[in-house]
Every structure is written in structure tokens, then in C-alpha cells.
N, C-alpha and C. Protein backbone atom coordinates (compact mmCIF):
# COMPACT_ATOMS: atom_id res chain seq x y z
N MET A 1 173.21 137.85 47.33
CA MET A 1 174.33 137.78 46.57
C MET A 1 174.61 136.99 46.03
N ASN A 2 174.73 136.23 44.58
CA ASN A 2 174.99 134.81 44.01
C ASN A 2 176.41 135.39 43.65
N ILE A 3 177.05 134.37 43.61
CA ILE A 3 178.32 133.94 43.32
C ILE A 3 178.28 133.24 42.13
N GLY A 4 178.71 133.26 40.83
CA GLY A 4 178.85 132.61 40.00
C GLY A 4 180.35 131.59 39.34
N TRP A 5 179.96 130.97 38.32
CA TRP A 5 181.50 129.74 38.52
C TRP A 5 182.30 131.07 37.61
N GLN A 6 181.66 132.20 37.17
CA GLN A 6 183.11 132.95 36.89
C GLN A 6 184.06 133.53 37.90
N GLU A 7 182.97 134.32 38.55
CA GLU A 7 183.76 134.61 39.67
C GLU A 7 184.57 134.50 40.59
N ILE A 8 184.05 133.25 40.85
CA ILE A 8 185.36 131.84 41.42
C ILE A 8 186.20 131.45 40.65
N LEU A 9 186.27 131.49 39.69
CA LEU A 9 187.62 131.18 38.27
C LEU A 9 188.36 132.39 38.89
N LEU A 10 187.87 133.48 38.73
CA LEU A 10 188.84 134.81 38.35
C LEU A 10 189.37 134.48 39.94
N LEU A 11 188.79 134.28 41.17
CA LEU A 11 189.22 134.20 42.52
C LEU A 11 190.40 133.84 42.53
N LEU A 12 190.26 132.24 42.23
CA LEU A 12 191.29 131.27 42.22
C LEU A 12 192.44 131.65 41.15
N LEU A 13 192.35 132.42 40.27
CA LEU A 13 193.31 132.51 38.99
C LEU A 13 194.36 134.05 40.19
N ILE A 14 193.32 134.77 40.57
CA ILE A 14 193.90 135.82 41.62
C ILE A 14 194.96 134.95 42.64
N ALA A 15 194.24 134.19 43.27
CA ALA A 15 194.76 133.61 44.05
C ALA A 15 196.26 132.88 43.81
N LEU A 16 196.14 132.17 42.83
CA LEU A 16 197.19 131.60 41.72
C LEU A 16 197.86 132.75 42.14
N LEU A 17 198.47 133.52 40.76
CA LEU A 17 199.11 134.87 40.58
C LEU A 17 199.84 135.82 42.39
N LEU A 18 198.90 135.37 43.32
CA LEU A 18 199.73 136.21 44.25
C LEU A 18 200.05 135.11 44.63
N PHE A 19 199.86 133.97 45.59
CA PHE A 19 200.47 133.15 46.33
C PHE A 19 201.65 131.97 45.77
N GLY A 20 201.10 131.51 44.33
CA GLY A 20 201.89 130.86 43.62
C GLY A 20 201.16 129.60 44.00
N PRO A 21 201.79 128.29 42.87
CA PRO A 21 200.69 127.01 43.04
C PRO A 21 201.71 126.41 44.29
N LYS A 22 202.53 126.36 44.98
CA LYS A 22 202.96 125.63 45.97
C LYS A 22 201.95 126.01 47.61
N LYS A 23 201.60 127.22 47.54
CA LYS A 23 201.26 127.98 48.59
C LYS A 23 199.97 127.87 48.69
N ILE A 24 199.01 127.10 47.65
CA ILE A 24 197.59 127.09 47.34
C ILE A 24 196.73 126.06 48.60
N PRO A 25 197.72 124.92 48.46
CA PRO A 25 197.07 123.88 49.25
C PRO A 25 197.33 124.53 50.64
N ASP A 26 198.08 124.58 51.06
CA ASP A 26 198.46 125.24 52.74
C ASP A 26 197.74 125.94 52.89
N LEU A 27 197.47 127.44 51.76
CA LEU A 27 196.66 128.29 52.04
C LEU A 27 195.19 127.47 52.54
N ALA A 28 194.54 126.44 51.78
CA ALA A 28 193.38 125.80 51.72
C ALA A 28 192.73 125.15 52.91
N LYS A 29 194.12 124.75 53.48
CA LYS A 29 194.05 124.03 54.96
C LYS A 29 193.48 124.91 55.90
N SER A 30 194.21 126.01 55.94
CA SER A 30 194.42 126.52 57.27
C SER A 30 192.81 127.63 56.65
N LEU A 31 192.76 127.65 56.01
CA LEU A 31 191.18 128.03 55.92
C LEU A 31 190.17 127.36 56.34
N GLY A 32 190.27 126.03 55.87
CA GLY A 32 189.65 125.09 56.39
C GLY A 32 189.64 124.68 58.02
N LYS A 33 190.86 125.01 58.40
CA LYS A 33 190.77 124.76 59.73
C LYS A 33 190.42 125.97 60.37
N GLY A 34 190.54 126.75 59.96
CA GLY A 34 190.14 128.27 60.64
C GLY A 34 187.94 128.05 60.57
N ILE A 35 187.69 127.94 59.34
CA ILE A 35 186.27 127.79 59.20
C ILE A 35 185.85 126.99 60.68
N ARG A 36 186.55 125.72 60.90
CA ARG A 36 186.38 124.67 61.33
C ARG A 36 186.03 124.86 62.75
N GLU A 37 187.20 125.63 63.48
CA GLU A 37 187.45 126.39 64.87
C GLU A 37 186.22 127.57 65.01
N PHE A 38 185.96 127.88 64.06
CA PHE A 38 184.76 128.96 64.15
C PHE A 38 183.28 128.83 64.24
N LYS A 39 182.65 127.51 63.53
CA LYS A 39 181.77 126.50 63.82
C LYS A 39 182.03 126.35 65.20
N LYS A 40 182.61 125.51 65.31
CA LYS A 40 183.42 124.68 66.91
C LYS A 40 183.05 125.58 68.15
N GLY A 41 183.36 126.92 68.07
CA GLY A 41 183.04 128.31 68.43
C GLY A 41 182.03 128.19 68.64
N LEU A 42 181.33 128.54 67.78
CA LEU A 42 179.81 129.21 67.77
C LEU A 42 178.81 127.90 67.97
N HIS A 43 179.21 126.98 68.11
CA HIS A 43 178.32 125.46 68.71
C HIS A 43 178.64 125.84 69.91
N GLU A 44 180.11 125.86 70.35
CA GLU A 44 179.97 126.19 72.36
C GLU A 44 179.34 127.23 72.90
N ILE A 45 179.12 128.15 72.07
CA ILE A 45 178.50 129.48 72.61
C ILE A 45 176.88 128.88 72.76
N GLU A 46 176.39 128.13 71.53
CA GLU A 46 174.82 128.07 71.66
C GLU A 46 174.23 126.88 72.81
N ASN A 47 175.74 125.44 73.08
CA ASN A 47 175.67 124.71 73.98
C ASN A 47 176.73 124.16 74.30
N PRO A 48 176.92 125.35 75.75
CA PRO A 48 177.65 125.04 76.81
C PRO A 48 177.72 123.94 77.28
N GLU A 49 176.50 122.97 77.83
CA GLU A 49 176.67 122.10 78.22
C GLU A 49 176.37 120.82 77.82
N GLU A 50 176.31 120.84 76.28
CA GLU A 50 176.53 120.19 75.89
C GLU A 50 178.27 119.29 75.23
N GLU A 51 178.63 120.55 75.55
CA GLU A 51 180.19 120.81 74.95
C GLU A 51 180.46 119.99 76.25
N LYS A 52 180.26 120.68 76.99
CA LYS A 52 180.99 120.33 78.33
C LYS A 52 181.16 118.64 78.44
N GLU A 53 179.87 118.16 78.66
CA GLU A 53 179.45 116.60 78.86
C GLU A 53 180.54 116.37 77.61
N ARG A 54 180.59 116.16 76.52
CA ARG A 54 181.54 115.60 75.41
C ARG A 54 182.95 116.21 75.70
N ASP A 55 184.02 117.21 76.39
CA ASP A 55 184.65 116.93 76.76
C ASP A 55 185.29 116.13 77.93
N GLU A 56 183.72 116.29 78.95
CA GLU A 56 184.41 115.16 80.12
C GLU A 56 184.20 113.77 79.77
N ALA A 57 183.39 113.40 78.70
CA ALA A 57 183.44 112.14 78.28
C ALA A 57 184.80 111.73 77.65
N GLN A 58 185.21 112.38 76.78
CA GLN A 58 186.59 112.13 75.84
C GLN A 58 187.91 111.71 77.03
N LYS A 59 187.80 112.99 77.96
CA LYS A 59 188.62 112.71 78.83
C LYS A 59 188.55 111.18 79.40
N LYS A 60 187.38 110.81 79.89
CA LYS A 60 187.08 109.75 80.54
C LYS A 60 187.71 108.79 79.75
N GLU A 61 187.26 108.81 78.08
CA GLU A 61 187.70 107.98 77.58
C GLU A 61 189.36 107.35 77.27
N GLU A 62 189.62 108.87 77.07
CA GLU A 62 191.78 108.53 77.52
C GLU A 62 191.99 107.96 78.23
N LYS A 63 191.44 108.71 79.61
CA LYS A 63 191.85 108.18 81.09
C LYS A 63 191.72 106.26 80.60
N ASP A 64 190.68 105.91 80.70
CA ASP A 64 190.22 104.14 80.08
C ASP A 64 191.19 103.42 79.19
N SER A 65 191.23 104.58 78.41
CA SER A 65 192.71 103.86 77.31
C SER A 65 194.07 103.46 77.67
């Protein structure tokens, strides 16, 4: 399934009509944050040991600072 530029433009126009120009940046920011959290969750599931080591290193750096 390929989405062309016409479909993206149509979706953006519909979003603009539904939410208004002032809400679009907030929605984009929330969407980006959600995607980032989702990817982080997937990474934690795939590599739980690596994630624990990273968290421990961050905590150690915070204590040293």
C-alpha cells in the first residue's frame, strides 16, 4: 500500500478542518512522542538486559553529578 503526496495532502487538509490551525502542532508533538514511546517499548521487549544496563548507567551518572 503506497500513499502518494495527494493522499497525504488530503489527510492534512482534513486534519486542518477538523482540529484547526492552532491544534495541529500540539497533535503532531503528541503523535511524535507516542511513536517514540512505542519504539522504546519495543526495544525494551527485544533487549531487556541492554535496557537495564543503560538505566543503571544513567542513574550512576545522575548520582555522580
